[in-house]
Amino acid sequence: MDTQSLVPLSTLKQGEKAYVVDLELNGLLRRRVLDLGIVPGTSLQCVGTAPAGDPIAYLVRGTVIALRSEDARSIRVNSTLV
């Protein structure tokens, strides 16, 4: 896969869809994100942001999950094939 097509999850705008390609997370945060169902191949959609822009809400496997922008920057997604 062309790495130029990968973008941080935090760059998705409201309503945009993408699928997870890579998690650049370690330790407990990586485990938490995986437990929430955010694994490579998972389709997700940005559904909104807090008024200050952080956290950001994503629809993942039928559930809305809020992630801090800092954490979402470490999740690489591809939105070109969705």
N, C-alpha and C. Protein backbone atom coordinates (compact mmCIF):
# COMPACT_ATOMS: atom_id res chain seq x y z
N MET A 1 0.85 -1.19 0.00
CA MET A 1 0.00 0.00 0.00
C MET A 1 0.89 1.24 0.00
N ASP A 2 0.48 2.24 -0.70
CA ASP A 2 1.21 3.50 -0.78
C ASP A 2 1.05 4.26 0.53
N THR A 3 2.16 4.50 1.23
CA THR A 3 2.08 5.17 2.52
C THR A 3 1.64 6.62 2.40
N GLN A 4 1.72 7.20 1.19
CA GLN A 4 1.27 8.57 1.01
C GLN A 4 -0.25 8.69 1.14
N SER A 5 -0.98 7.58 0.95
CA SER A 5 -2.44 7.64 1.06
C SER A 5 -2.90 7.49 2.51
N LEU A 6 -1.97 7.21 3.41
CA LEU A 6 -2.32 7.08 4.82
C LEU A 6 -2.28 8.44 5.50
N VAL A 7 -3.31 8.69 6.29
CA VAL A 7 -3.38 9.96 7.03
C VAL A 7 -3.74 9.66 8.48
N PRO A 8 -3.43 10.57 9.39
CA PRO A 8 -3.84 10.37 10.79
C PRO A 8 -5.37 10.43 10.90
N LEU A 9 -5.91 9.61 11.77
CA LEU A 9 -7.35 9.60 12.01
C LEU A 9 -7.86 10.99 12.39
N SER A 10 -7.05 11.75 13.09
CA SER A 10 -7.46 13.08 13.55
C SER A 10 -7.74 14.06 12.41
N THR A 11 -7.31 13.75 11.19
CA THR A 11 -7.52 14.67 10.06
C THR A 11 -8.87 14.50 9.38
N LEU A 12 -9.62 13.46 9.74
CA LEU A 12 -10.93 13.27 9.13
C LEU A 12 -11.88 14.39 9.54
N LYS A 13 -12.65 14.86 8.61
CA LYS A 13 -13.67 15.87 8.88
C LYS A 13 -14.99 15.16 9.18
N GLN A 14 -15.91 15.89 9.80
CA GLN A 14 -17.21 15.32 10.14
C GLN A 14 -17.87 14.73 8.90
N GLY A 15 -18.33 13.49 9.00
CA GLY A 15 -19.01 12.81 7.90
C GLY A 15 -18.08 11.96 7.04
N GLU A 16 -16.77 12.18 7.13
CA GLU A 16 -15.83 11.40 6.32
C GLU A 16 -15.65 10.00 6.91
N LYS A 17 -15.46 9.04 6.00
CA LYS A 17 -15.26 7.65 6.39
C LYS A 17 -13.85 7.21 6.00
N ALA A 18 -13.35 6.22 6.72
CA ALA A 18 -12.03 5.67 6.42
C ALA A 18 -11.94 4.28 7.04
N TYR A 19 -10.84 3.59 6.76
CA TYR A 19 -10.60 2.33 7.45
C TYR A 19 -9.21 2.35 8.06
N VAL A 20 -9.08 1.68 9.18
CA VAL A 20 -7.83 1.66 9.95
C VAL A 20 -6.80 0.81 9.22
N VAL A 21 -5.58 1.35 9.12
CA VAL A 21 -4.48 0.63 8.50
C VAL A 21 -3.41 0.27 9.53
N ASP A 22 -3.09 1.19 10.44
CA ASP A 22 -2.01 0.96 11.38
C ASP A 22 -2.24 1.73 12.67
N LEU A 23 -1.80 1.15 13.77
CA LEU A 23 -1.84 1.81 15.07
C LEU A 23 -0.40 2.08 15.51
N GLU A 24 -0.07 3.34 15.65
CA GLU A 24 1.27 3.71 16.10
C GLU A 24 1.21 4.04 17.59
N LEU A 25 0.65 3.10 18.34
CA LEU A 25 0.46 3.25 19.78
C LEU A 25 1.16 2.11 20.49
N ASN A 26 1.49 2.32 21.74
CA ASN A 26 2.14 1.30 22.54
C ASN A 26 1.47 1.17 23.90
N GLY A 27 1.75 0.08 24.58
CA GLY A 27 1.35 -0.11 25.96
C GLY A 27 -0.15 -0.15 26.18
N LEU A 28 -0.56 0.43 27.29
CA LEU A 28 -1.96 0.37 27.71
C LEU A 28 -2.90 1.09 26.74
N LEU A 29 -2.44 2.19 26.16
CA LEU A 29 -3.29 2.91 25.21
C LEU A 29 -3.57 2.05 23.98
N ARG A 30 -2.55 1.36 23.49
CA ARG A 30 -2.75 0.46 22.34
C ARG A 30 -3.77 -0.61 22.70
N ARG A 31 -3.65 -1.21 23.87
CA ARG A 31 -4.57 -2.26 24.31
C ARG A 31 -5.99 -1.71 24.41
N ARG A 32 -6.13 -0.51 24.96
CA ARG A 32 -7.46 0.11 25.11
C ARG A 32 -8.11 0.35 23.75
N VAL A 33 -7.33 0.88 22.81
CA VAL A 33 -7.86 1.16 21.47
C VAL A 33 -8.26 -0.14 20.77
N LEU A 34 -7.44 -1.17 20.89
CA LEU A 34 -7.78 -2.47 20.30
C LEU A 34 -9.04 -3.05 20.95
N ASP A 35 -9.16 -2.92 22.26
CA ASP A 35 -10.34 -3.42 22.97
C ASP A 35 -11.62 -2.69 22.55
N LEU A 36 -11.48 -1.44 22.12
CA LEU A 36 -12.64 -0.67 21.65
C LEU A 36 -13.06 -1.07 20.23
N GLY A 37 -12.29 -1.95 19.61
CA GLY A 37 -12.64 -2.42 18.27
C GLY A 37 -11.94 -1.68 17.15
N ILE A 38 -11.02 -0.80 17.50
CA ILE A 38 -10.28 -0.06 16.47
C ILE A 38 -9.04 -0.88 16.13
N VAL A 39 -9.23 -1.78 15.16
CA VAL A 39 -8.16 -2.67 14.72
C VAL A 39 -7.97 -2.49 13.22
N PRO A 40 -6.80 -2.86 12.69
CA PRO A 40 -6.59 -2.73 11.24
C PRO A 40 -7.72 -3.40 10.45
N GLY A 41 -8.22 -2.67 9.46
CA GLY A 41 -9.32 -3.15 8.63
C GLY A 41 -10.68 -2.64 9.04
N THR A 42 -10.79 -2.07 10.23
CA THR A 42 -12.07 -1.56 10.74
C THR A 42 -12.47 -0.28 10.03
N SER A 43 -13.72 -0.22 9.57
CA SER A 43 -14.26 0.98 8.97
C SER A 43 -14.77 1.89 10.07
N LEU A 44 -14.55 3.19 9.92
CA LEU A 44 -15.06 4.15 10.90
C LEU A 44 -15.43 5.45 10.21
N GLN A 45 -16.16 6.28 10.95
CA GLN A 45 -16.62 7.56 10.43
C GLN A 45 -16.52 8.62 11.51
N CYS A 46 -16.05 9.80 11.14
CA CYS A 46 -16.00 10.92 12.07
C CYS A 46 -17.43 11.49 12.17
N VAL A 47 -17.95 11.53 13.39
CA VAL A 47 -19.32 12.01 13.57
C VAL A 47 -19.42 13.35 14.27
N GLY A 48 -18.31 13.88 14.76
CA GLY A 48 -18.37 15.20 15.37
C GLY A 48 -17.18 15.48 16.27
N THR A 49 -17.07 16.75 16.65
CA THR A 49 -16.01 17.17 17.54
C THR A 49 -16.61 18.01 18.67
N ALA A 50 -15.90 18.08 19.76
CA ALA A 50 -16.31 18.95 20.86
C ALA A 50 -16.14 20.41 20.39
N PRO A 51 -16.82 21.34 21.03
CA PRO A 51 -16.71 22.75 20.61
C PRO A 51 -15.26 23.26 20.55
N ALA A 52 -14.41 22.79 21.43
CA ALA A 52 -13.01 23.22 21.42
C ALA A 52 -12.16 22.39 20.46
N GLY A 53 -12.78 21.38 19.80
CA GLY A 53 -12.06 20.56 18.84
C GLY A 53 -11.47 19.28 19.43
N ASP A 54 -11.60 19.08 20.71
CA ASP A 54 -11.04 17.89 21.34
C ASP A 54 -11.92 17.48 22.51
N PRO A 55 -12.41 16.27 22.60
CA PRO A 55 -12.12 15.10 21.78
C PRO A 55 -12.93 15.08 20.48
N ILE A 56 -12.66 14.05 19.69
CA ILE A 56 -13.35 13.83 18.41
C ILE A 56 -14.13 12.53 18.53
N ALA A 57 -15.37 12.52 18.04
CA ALA A 57 -16.22 11.33 18.12
C ALA A 57 -16.20 10.58 16.79
N TYR A 58 -16.07 9.25 16.90
CA TYR A 58 -16.03 8.38 15.72
C TYR A 58 -17.04 7.27 15.89
N LEU A 59 -17.69 6.91 14.78
CA LEU A 59 -18.60 5.76 14.77
C LEU A 59 -17.77 4.54 14.39
N VAL A 60 -17.67 3.60 15.34
CA VAL A 60 -16.86 2.40 15.16
C VAL A 60 -17.72 1.19 15.48
N ARG A 61 -17.98 0.34 14.50
CA ARG A 61 -18.75 -0.89 14.71
C ARG A 61 -20.08 -0.62 15.41
N GLY A 62 -20.76 0.46 15.01
CA GLY A 62 -22.08 0.77 15.55
C GLY A 62 -22.08 1.51 16.87
N THR A 63 -20.91 1.87 17.37
CA THR A 63 -20.80 2.56 18.65
C THR A 63 -20.02 3.86 18.46
N VAL A 64 -20.47 4.93 19.11
CA VAL A 64 -19.74 6.19 19.03
C VAL A 64 -18.68 6.20 20.13
N ILE A 65 -17.44 6.44 19.72
CA ILE A 65 -16.29 6.44 20.62
C ILE A 65 -15.59 7.79 20.49
N ALA A 66 -15.28 8.42 21.61
CA ALA A 66 -14.56 9.69 21.60
C ALA A 66 -13.08 9.44 21.91
N LEU A 67 -12.22 10.02 21.08
CA LEU A 67 -10.77 9.92 21.27
C LEU A 67 -10.16 11.30 21.34
N ARG A 68 -9.15 11.45 22.17
CA ARG A 68 -8.40 12.70 22.19
C ARG A 68 -7.69 12.86 20.85
N SER A 69 -7.55 14.08 20.40
CA SER A 69 -6.87 14.34 19.12
C SER A 69 -5.46 13.79 19.13
N GLU A 70 -4.78 13.92 20.27
CA GLU A 70 -3.41 13.41 20.39
C GLU A 70 -3.36 11.91 20.12
N ASP A 71 -4.32 11.16 20.63
CA ASP A 71 -4.36 9.71 20.40
C ASP A 71 -4.77 9.39 18.97
N ALA A 72 -5.72 10.13 18.43
CA ALA A 72 -6.18 9.89 17.06
C ALA A 72 -5.08 10.16 16.04
N ARG A 73 -4.14 11.03 16.36
CA ARG A 73 -3.02 11.30 15.44
C ARG A 73 -2.12 10.08 15.28
N SER A 74 -2.17 9.15 16.21
CA SER A 74 -1.32 7.96 16.16
C SER A 74 -1.99 6.77 15.49
N ILE A 75 -3.17 7.00 14.95
CA ILE A 75 -3.90 5.94 14.23
C ILE A 75 -3.92 6.33 12.76
N ARG A 76 -3.32 5.50 11.92
CA ARG A 76 -3.25 5.78 10.47
C ARG A 76 -4.43 5.12 9.76
N VAL A 77 -5.09 5.91 8.92
CA VAL A 77 -6.25 5.44 8.18
C VAL A 77 -6.10 5.73 6.70
N ASN A 78 -6.90 5.05 5.91
CA ASN A 78 -6.96 5.29 4.46
C ASN A 78 -8.40 5.62 4.13
N SER A 79 -8.64 6.78 3.59
CA SER A 79 -10.01 7.18 3.24
C SER A 79 -10.25 7.15 1.74
N THR A 80 -9.25 6.74 0.95
CA THR A 80 -9.39 6.78 -0.50
C THR A 80 -10.20 5.62 -1.04
N LEU A 81 -10.32 4.51 -0.31
CA LEU A 81 -11.02 3.34 -0.82
C LEU A 81 -12.36 3.08 -0.15
N VAL A 82 -12.84 4.02 0.66
CA VAL A 82 -14.10 3.82 1.38
C VAL A 82 -15.24 4.29 0.53
